[in-house]
Amino acid sequence: MKAAEIRPLPPVRIQKKQKTLSTVLFAAGALILLLGVFCFLIGDLQLPAFASINSRLKSVYAEYLSTGQPLSFGDTAAYYSVKFAVVVMLIGLLLLLNAYMLLGQHWERYRDFTCVLPALIALALFVYYPLLDLVRISFTNWNLMKEEYKFVGIKNYKWLFAGSGWKYLKNTLWVTLRYTFWEVFFSLAGGLLLALLFDRMTRYFNALRALVFMPKYIATSTSAIIFVWMLNGPHGIVNWALGLLGIVGPDWLANSSTALAGILMLTFWRTVGYAMMIYLSAMKGIPQDYYEAASIDGADKMHCFRFITLPMLAPTTLFLLVTTFISSMKVFQSVDVMTSGGPYDATMVMVQWVYNLSFKDFRVDRAAAASLVFFLVLLAFTTLTMKYSNKNVNYDQ
């Protein structure tokens, strides 16, 4: 068949089909979204205004379980819509997104967009759904010791900021920020120094780099158990080594003034190798012409490091700063295994406190409120860091 005989559909006909399908998707998405919001107010938030509807649905379903009589289509749809209200809302939002993309894009581009839909659905179900449900739980009085819970408004946030929870929030944020500062400092400074030291392409330096980097692949819980033994007061190997030098070591994990330092030893041992490898890969990408030109102008190694290496490593430093900050703020396993937040809350980091609220105090509602506050803190820091980097970090490399 000749190329001249291939006649694509007229653009006007495609636009009409797109508009029709977009209208149908928009109408269906809006109705499903409104249904999900209504069922969310009935079932999940359990607002008092909709208590009668919710109790009727529960009684109808209880009668179905006791008698075995099949439910009507309306009762079945209403009950399961209330039970999975957030999922219904997400389906409505996805339909609205498809309607918007279909109306604003050519048909060929929309077909490409449909290839991304499975990933968007997975993100909606496994990322955004838990986040929305966390918001919902924070406005209830959900206690794991009780079967029923109800909507209580901002009561949990009042407890967190104006009640007895404020002192715990301040302490946990302070401990978390202290831990984060030292982890970021030791990881970035130690990684950069080791990268400068091991920047040699020889067999021995390759072996040393592998030894330094290997702890990253050891499970945190396994490493924490080993460090508990190493820091175990007079019986640990750390204090034994200090005793050979005439120094009496403290009981690292049982003393409130040294417990956080003991956890940081494990952290530094695990993370410095990763930062070293990232810096090494970035240093290998710096053009050698810069150093040759600087040496011709009479610059020594310190000047080259200050005016060439450090500025060219700025994007890498920003990457390590953001990723290390987020991971250190979410530290949990090492603290849980080594100290469980003690002694006397000296190592009570934010995630450990949320865990204790949920599974030791059984107050899932308060844990949800604290988690959302923690999420906003991380989001604010990341946003400010990225805005600063756009103005002050050089990406010419």
Protein backbone atom coordinates (compact mmCIF):
# COMPACT_ATOMS: atom_id res chain seq x y z
CA MET A 1 0.00 0.00 0.00
CA LYS A 2 1.32 3.40 -0.94
CA ALA A 3 1.88 6.08 1.65
CA ALA A 4 -0.56 8.38 -0.15
CA GLU A 5 -3.40 5.88 0.37
CA ILE A 6 -3.09 6.00 4.18
CA ARG A 7 -5.65 8.55 5.33
CA PRO A 8 -5.80 9.27 9.07
CA LEU A 9 -9.04 10.28 10.70
CA PRO A 10 -9.80 13.98 10.49
CA PRO A 11 -8.69 15.91 13.60
CA VAL A 12 -12.20 17.31 14.11
CA ARG A 13 -13.66 13.80 14.44
CA ILE A 14 -10.99 12.85 16.97
CA GLN A 15 -11.71 15.99 19.00
CA LYS A 16 -15.41 15.15 19.12
CA LYS A 17 -14.66 11.65 20.37
CA GLN A 18 -12.26 13.01 22.94
CA LYS A 19 -14.75 15.58 24.20
CA THR A 20 -17.50 12.98 24.45
CA LEU A 21 -15.35 10.48 26.32
CA SER A 22 -13.91 13.23 28.51
CA THR A 23 -17.42 14.40 29.45
CA VAL A 24 -18.46 10.85 30.35
CA LEU A 25 -15.33 10.31 32.45
CA PHE A 26 -15.74 13.68 34.17
CA ALA A 27 -19.37 12.99 35.07
CA ALA A 28 -18.59 9.49 36.33
CA GLY A 29 -15.55 10.69 38.29
CA ALA A 30 -17.45 13.56 39.91
CA LEU A 31 -20.32 11.28 40.97
CA ILE A 32 -17.97 8.62 42.36
CA LEU A 33 -15.89 11.25 44.16
CA LEU A 34 -18.98 12.78 45.77
CA LEU A 35 -20.17 9.31 46.76
CA GLY A 36 -16.77 8.59 48.33
CA VAL A 37 -16.76 11.87 50.25
CA PHE A 38 -20.29 11.23 51.53
CA CYS A 39 -19.41 7.68 52.60
CA PHE A 40 -16.20 8.95 54.19
CA LEU A 41 -18.23 11.34 56.36
CA ILE A 42 -20.62 8.53 57.29
CA GLY A 43 -18.30 5.63 57.96
CA ASP A 44 -14.74 6.77 58.52
CA LEU A 45 -15.21 10.05 60.34
CA GLN A 46 -18.51 8.87 61.85
CA LEU A 47 -19.88 12.39 62.13
CA PRO A 48 -22.83 12.69 64.51
CA ALA A 49 -25.02 14.14 61.75
CA PHE A 50 -24.79 10.85 59.82
CA ALA A 51 -24.95 8.52 62.82
CA SER A 52 -28.45 7.27 61.93
CA ILE A 53 -27.39 6.26 58.41
CA ASN A 54 -24.31 4.47 59.69
CA SER A 55 -26.23 2.60 62.39
CA ARG A 56 -28.85 1.51 59.83
CA LEU A 57 -26.19 0.11 57.51
CA LYS A 58 -24.59 -1.77 60.40
CA SER A 59 -27.93 -3.20 61.50
CA VAL A 60 -28.78 -4.29 57.95
CA TYR A 61 -25.45 -6.05 57.60
CA ALA A 62 -25.76 -7.64 61.07
CA GLU A 63 -29.19 -8.98 60.06
CA TYR A 64 -27.64 -10.39 56.89
CA LEU A 65 -24.99 -12.20 58.92
CA SER A 66 -27.55 -13.64 61.36
CA THR A 67 -30.29 -14.66 58.91
CA GLY A 68 -28.31 -15.28 55.75
CA GLN A 69 -30.85 -13.39 53.65
CA PRO A 70 -29.17 -11.74 50.66
CA LEU A 71 -28.86 -7.97 50.76
CA SER A 72 -30.37 -5.80 48.10
CA PHE A 73 -28.06 -4.25 45.55
CA GLY A 74 -28.47 -0.81 47.11
CA ASP A 75 -27.69 -1.99 50.63
CA THR A 76 -24.65 -3.95 49.43
CA ALA A 77 -23.29 -1.00 47.44
CA ALA A 78 -23.93 1.41 50.31
CA TYR A 79 -22.30 -0.82 52.93
CA TYR A 80 -19.13 -1.51 50.97
CA SER A 81 -18.91 2.10 49.77
CA VAL A 82 -18.90 3.19 53.39
CA LYS A 83 -16.32 0.55 54.27
CA PHE A 84 -13.94 1.52 51.47
CA ALA A 85 -14.78 5.21 51.18
CA VAL A 86 -11.19 6.37 50.59
CA VAL A 87 -10.72 3.85 47.78
CA VAL A 88 -13.93 5.11 46.18
CA MET A 89 -12.64 8.69 46.40
CA LEU A 90 -9.34 7.69 44.79
CA ILE A 91 -11.18 6.00 41.92
CA GLY A 92 -13.19 9.18 41.38
CA LEU A 93 -10.02 11.31 41.38
CA LEU A 94 -8.36 8.99 38.84
CA LEU A 95 -11.38 9.28 36.54
CA LEU A 96 -11.29 13.07 36.84
CA LEU A 97 -7.57 13.04 36.05
CA ASN A 98 -8.22 10.93 32.95
CA ALA A 99 -10.97 13.31 31.86
CA TYR A 100 -8.66 16.31 32.26
CA MET A 101 -5.75 14.66 30.40
CA LEU A 102 -8.03 13.45 27.61
CA LEU A 103 -9.49 16.91 27.09
CA GLY A 104 -6.15 18.73 27.09
CA GLN A 105 -3.98 16.28 25.13
CA HIS A 106 -4.00 14.73 21.69
CA TRP A 107 -5.28 11.16 21.46
CA GLU A 108 -1.79 9.77 20.85
CA ARG A 109 -0.39 11.50 23.92
CA TYR A 110 -3.31 10.29 26.00
CA ARG A 111 -2.57 6.71 24.98
CA ASP A 112 0.95 7.23 26.30
CA PHE A 113 -0.53 8.56 29.52
CA THR A 114 -2.62 5.40 29.97
CA CYS A 115 0.64 3.42 30.21
CA VAL A 116 1.41 5.37 33.39
CA LEU A 117 -1.99 4.69 34.94
CA PRO A 118 -1.02 1.35 36.59
CA ALA A 119 1.82 3.10 38.43
CA LEU A 120 -0.53 5.94 39.44
CA ILE A 121 -3.06 3.44 40.74
CA ALA A 122 -0.37 1.66 42.77
CA LEU A 123 0.80 4.99 44.21
CA ALA A 124 -2.77 5.96 45.04
CA LEU A 125 -3.50 2.69 46.86
CA PHE A 126 -0.21 2.17 48.68
CA VAL A 127 0.99 5.76 49.30
CA TYR A 128 -1.82 8.30 49.16
CA TYR A 129 -4.52 6.05 50.63
CA PRO A 130 -2.53 5.40 53.86
CA LEU A 131 -1.75 9.11 54.07
CA LEU A 132 -5.40 10.08 53.75
CA ASP A 133 -6.38 7.40 56.23
CA LEU A 134 -3.78 8.78 58.64
CA VAL A 135 -5.45 12.18 58.42
CA ARG A 136 -8.79 10.56 59.11
CA ILE A 137 -7.51 8.65 62.15
CA SER A 138 -6.02 11.81 63.64
CA PHE A 139 -9.54 13.28 63.94
CA THR A 140 -10.95 10.29 65.83
CA ASN A 141 -10.48 8.79 69.30
CA TRP A 142 -9.32 5.40 68.06
CA ASN A 143 -7.97 3.32 70.93
CA LEU A 144 -6.87 -0.26 70.21
CA MET A 145 -8.34 -1.34 73.56
CA LYS A 146 -11.84 -0.37 72.36
CA GLU A 147 -13.91 -1.60 69.43
CA GLU A 148 -15.76 1.65 68.74
CA TYR A 149 -14.37 5.07 67.91
CA LYS A 150 -15.86 8.36 66.81
CA PHE A 151 -15.00 11.74 65.34
CA VAL A 152 -13.55 14.13 67.96
CA GLY A 153 -12.31 17.02 65.79
CA ILE A 154 -8.96 18.54 66.72
CA LYS A 155 -8.87 17.03 70.21
CA ASN A 156 -5.70 15.07 69.48
CA TYR A 157 -3.95 18.18 68.18
CA LYS A 158 -4.97 20.07 71.30
CA TRP A 159 -3.41 17.28 73.37
CA LEU A 160 -0.29 17.48 71.23
CA PHE A 161 0.23 21.25 71.31
CA ALA A 162 -1.69 22.49 74.36
CA GLY A 163 -1.89 19.43 76.59
CA SER A 164 0.38 16.88 78.20
CA GLY A 165 1.67 15.72 74.82
CA TRP A 166 3.56 18.98 74.24
CA LYS A 167 6.45 18.11 76.56
CA TYR A 168 6.86 14.72 74.87
CA LEU A 169 6.73 16.32 71.42
CA LYS A 170 9.39 18.87 72.37
CA ASN A 171 11.66 16.22 73.84
CA THR A 172 11.35 13.84 70.91
CA LEU A 173 11.89 16.59 68.33
CA TRP A 174 14.94 17.84 70.23
CA VAL A 175 16.45 14.34 70.49
CA THR A 176 15.66 13.65 66.83
CA LEU A 177 17.23 16.91 65.67
CA ARG A 178 20.35 16.28 67.76
CA TYR A 179 20.69 12.81 66.33
CA THR A 180 20.08 14.11 62.80
CA PHE A 181 22.65 16.90 63.12
CA TRP A 182 25.41 14.56 64.22
CA GLU A 183 24.56 11.89 61.66
CA VAL A 184 24.53 14.42 58.81
CA PHE A 185 27.75 16.03 60.05
CA PHE A 186 29.68 12.78 60.56
CA SER A 187 28.37 11.18 57.35
CA LEU A 188 29.16 14.12 55.07
CA ALA A 189 32.44 15.16 56.70
CA GLY A 190 33.67 11.60 57.18
CA GLY A 191 32.56 10.54 53.71
CA LEU A 192 34.35 13.47 52.08
CA LEU A 193 37.57 12.88 54.02
CA LEU A 194 37.54 9.17 53.21
CA ALA A 195 36.81 9.92 49.56
CA LEU A 196 39.87 12.18 49.43
CA LEU A 197 41.94 9.50 51.16
CA PHE A 198 40.81 6.59 48.99
CA ASP A 199 40.89 8.45 45.67
CA ARG A 200 43.53 6.04 44.37
CA MET A 201 42.90 3.44 41.68
CA THR A 202 45.02 0.65 43.14
CA ARG A 203 44.20 -2.86 44.32
CA TYR A 204 44.78 -2.10 47.99
CA PHE A 205 42.66 1.03 48.01
CA ASN A 206 39.86 -0.85 46.24
CA ALA A 207 39.90 -3.43 49.05
CA LEU A 208 39.83 -0.69 51.70
CA ARG A 209 36.93 1.03 50.01
CA ALA A 210 35.00 -2.24 49.97
CA LEU A 211 35.65 -2.75 53.69
CA VAL A 212 34.41 0.74 54.54
CA PHE A 213 31.34 0.44 52.32
CA MET A 214 30.35 -3.11 53.38
CA PRO A 215 28.51 -2.15 56.65
CA LYS A 216 25.83 -0.44 54.54
CA TYR A 217 24.61 -3.87 53.45
CA ILE A 218 24.45 -5.36 56.95
CA ALA A 219 20.97 -5.32 58.49
CA THR A 220 20.48 -2.55 61.03
CA SER A 221 18.97 -4.88 63.62
CA THR A 222 21.90 -7.29 63.33
CA SER A 223 24.43 -4.48 63.65
CA ALA A 224 22.53 -3.03 66.62
CA ILE A 225 22.71 -6.31 68.53
CA ILE A 226 26.49 -6.48 67.96
CA PHE A 227 26.91 -2.89 69.16
CA VAL A 228 24.82 -3.61 72.26
CA TRP A 229 27.42 -6.22 73.17
CA MET A 230 30.33 -3.93 72.26
CA LEU A 231 28.96 -1.06 74.40
CA ASN A 232 27.82 -3.22 77.29
CA GLY A 233 29.41 -1.30 80.19
CA PRO A 234 32.45 -3.00 81.75
CA HIS A 235 31.89 -6.16 79.69
CA GLY A 236 31.97 -4.50 76.29
CA ILE A 237 34.93 -4.49 73.96
CA VAL A 238 34.87 -0.68 73.64
CA ASN A 239 35.44 -0.11 77.35
CA TRP A 240 38.00 -2.92 77.37
CA ALA A 241 39.98 -1.11 74.69
CA LEU A 242 39.66 2.17 76.57
CA GLY A 243 40.88 0.42 79.72
CA LEU A 244 44.10 -0.53 77.95
CA LEU A 245 44.71 3.20 77.53
CA GLY A 246 43.93 3.91 81.18
CA ILE A 247 40.48 5.37 80.46
CA VAL A 248 37.42 4.21 82.38
CA GLY A 249 34.60 4.02 79.86
CA PRO A 250 31.00 4.77 80.84
CA ASP A 251 28.04 2.42 80.67
CA TRP A 252 27.18 3.72 77.23
CA LEU A 253 23.59 2.62 76.72
CA ALA A 254 22.49 2.78 80.38
CA ASN A 255 23.61 6.37 80.92
CA SER A 256 21.32 9.14 79.67
CA SER A 257 24.29 11.37 78.79
CA THR A 258 26.03 8.78 76.58
CA ALA A 259 23.20 6.64 75.18
CA LEU A 260 22.72 8.82 72.11
CA ALA A 261 26.48 8.80 71.46
CA GLY A 262 26.41 4.99 71.55
CA ILE A 263 23.70 4.89 68.88
CA LEU A 264 25.64 7.41 66.78
CA MET A 265 28.66 5.07 66.80
CA LEU A 266 26.58 2.47 65.02
CA THR A 267 25.16 5.09 62.66
CA PHE A 268 28.57 6.46 61.68
CA TRP A 269 29.92 2.96 61.09
CA ARG A 270 27.02 2.14 58.75
CA THR A 271 26.59 5.39 56.79
CA VAL A 272 30.06 6.85 56.26
CA GLY A 273 30.94 4.29 53.58
CA TYR A 274 27.89 5.16 51.51
CA ALA A 275 28.71 8.88 51.59
CA MET A 276 32.32 8.05 50.67
CA MET A 277 31.26 6.13 47.55
CA ILE A 278 28.87 8.89 46.43
CA TYR A 279 31.60 11.51 46.83
CA LEU A 280 34.13 9.30 45.04
CA SER A 281 31.86 8.86 42.03
CA ALA A 282 31.28 12.62 41.90
CA MET A 283 35.01 13.39 42.19
CA LYS A 284 35.74 11.10 39.27
CA GLY A 285 33.40 13.21 37.15
CA ILE A 286 35.24 16.48 37.74
CA PRO A 287 37.26 17.37 34.60
CA GLN A 288 41.00 17.24 35.19
CA ASP A 289 41.44 20.33 33.01
CA TYR A 290 40.39 22.49 35.96
CA TYR A 291 43.18 21.11 38.15
CA GLU A 292 45.76 21.41 35.38
CA ALA A 293 44.82 25.02 34.72
CA ALA A 294 44.93 25.79 38.46
CA SER A 295 48.37 24.18 38.85
CA ILE A 296 49.70 26.26 35.96
CA ASP A 297 48.47 29.37 37.78
CA GLY A 298 50.36 28.25 40.89
CA ALA A 299 47.50 26.87 43.02
CA ASP A 300 48.40 24.22 45.58
CA LYS A 301 46.25 21.26 46.63
CA MET A 302 44.41 23.19 49.31
CA HIS A 303 43.42 25.91 46.85
CA CYS A 304 42.30 23.27 44.34
CA PHE A 305 40.20 21.58 47.01
CA ARG A 306 38.64 24.84 48.17
CA PHE A 307 37.95 26.50 44.83
CA ILE A 308 37.45 23.50 42.51
CA THR A 309 36.56 20.29 44.36
CA LEU A 310 34.13 21.70 46.92
CA PRO A 311 32.12 23.88 44.46
CA MET A 312 31.92 21.04 41.95
CA LEU A 313 30.70 18.68 44.69
CA ALA A 314 27.89 21.03 45.73
CA PRO A 315 25.10 19.06 43.95
CA THR A 316 26.38 15.83 45.49
CA THR A 317 26.54 17.43 48.91
CA LEU A 318 22.97 18.67 48.51
CA PHE A 319 21.81 15.19 47.52
CA LEU A 320 23.52 13.60 50.51
CA LEU A 321 22.25 16.34 52.82
CA VAL A 322 18.60 15.85 51.86
CA THR A 323 18.66 12.04 51.77
CA THR A 324 20.69 11.70 54.98
CA PHE A 325 18.48 14.24 56.77
CA ILE A 326 15.29 12.41 55.85
CA SER A 327 16.66 8.97 56.72
CA SER A 328 18.12 10.15 60.02
CA MET A 329 14.90 11.89 61.04
CA LYS A 330 13.11 8.56 60.48
CA VAL A 331 15.61 6.50 62.51
CA PHE A 332 13.92 3.66 64.38
CA GLN A 333 15.51 0.20 64.20
CA SER A 334 18.81 1.01 65.88
CA VAL A 335 17.09 2.98 68.66
CA ASP A 336 14.44 0.31 69.21
CA VAL A 337 16.97 -2.53 69.47
CA MET A 338 19.63 -0.73 71.50
CA THR A 339 17.69 1.45 73.96
CA SER A 340 13.93 1.46 73.10
CA GLY A 341 14.03 5.21 73.65
CA GLY A 342 15.63 5.12 77.09
CA PRO A 343 17.12 5.68 79.50
CA TYR A 344 14.70 8.35 80.75
CA ASP A 345 13.68 9.22 77.16
CA ALA A 346 17.27 10.27 76.36
CA THR A 347 17.07 8.53 72.98
CA MET A 348 13.32 8.86 72.38
CA VAL A 349 13.31 9.83 68.71
CA MET A 350 10.13 10.74 66.86
CA VAL A 351 9.39 7.41 65.16
CA GLN A 352 10.05 5.50 68.39
CA TRP A 353 7.57 7.75 70.19
CA VAL A 354 4.94 7.22 67.50
CA TYR A 355 5.52 3.47 67.75
CA ASN A 356 5.13 3.56 71.53
CA LEU A 357 1.93 5.60 71.25
CA SER A 358 0.46 3.07 68.82
CA PHE A 359 1.54 -0.31 70.16
CA LYS A 360 2.35 0.31 73.83
CA ASP A 361 -0.15 2.99 74.81
CA PHE A 362 -2.64 1.78 72.14
CA ARG A 363 -3.48 5.40 71.21
CA VAL A 364 -3.48 5.20 67.45
CA ASP A 365 -5.30 8.54 67.20
CA ARG A 366 -2.53 10.45 68.99
CA ALA A 367 0.11 8.57 67.03
CA ALA A 368 -1.57 9.63 63.76
CA ALA A 369 -1.59 13.30 64.82
CA ALA A 370 2.09 13.16 65.80
CA SER A 371 2.93 11.43 62.49
CA LEU A 372 1.25 14.19 60.47
CA VAL A 373 3.13 16.89 62.37
CA PHE A 374 6.37 14.99 61.73
CA PHE A 375 5.51 14.68 58.03
CA LEU A 376 4.95 18.44 57.76
CA VAL A 377 8.32 19.12 59.43
CA LEU A 378 10.12 16.91 56.90
CA LEU A 379 8.18 18.45 54.02
CA ALA A 380 9.00 22.00 55.12
CA PHE A 381 12.72 21.27 55.47
CA THR A 382 12.93 19.55 52.09
CA THR A 383 11.07 22.41 50.39
CA LEU A 384 13.31 25.07 51.93
CA THR A 385 16.43 23.10 51.03
CA MET A 386 15.40 22.72 47.40
CA LYS A 387 14.57 26.44 47.13
CA TYR A 388 17.96 27.33 48.58
CA SER A 389 19.73 24.91 46.25
CA ASN A 390 18.16 26.43 43.13
CA LYS A 391 19.85 29.73 43.97
CA ASN A 392 23.17 28.67 45.48
CA VAL A 393 24.13 25.26 44.05
CA ASN A 394 26.02 25.08 40.78
CA TYR A 395 24.91 22.27 38.46
CA ASP A 396 27.30 23.05 35.60
CA GLN A 397 29.13 19.77 36.15
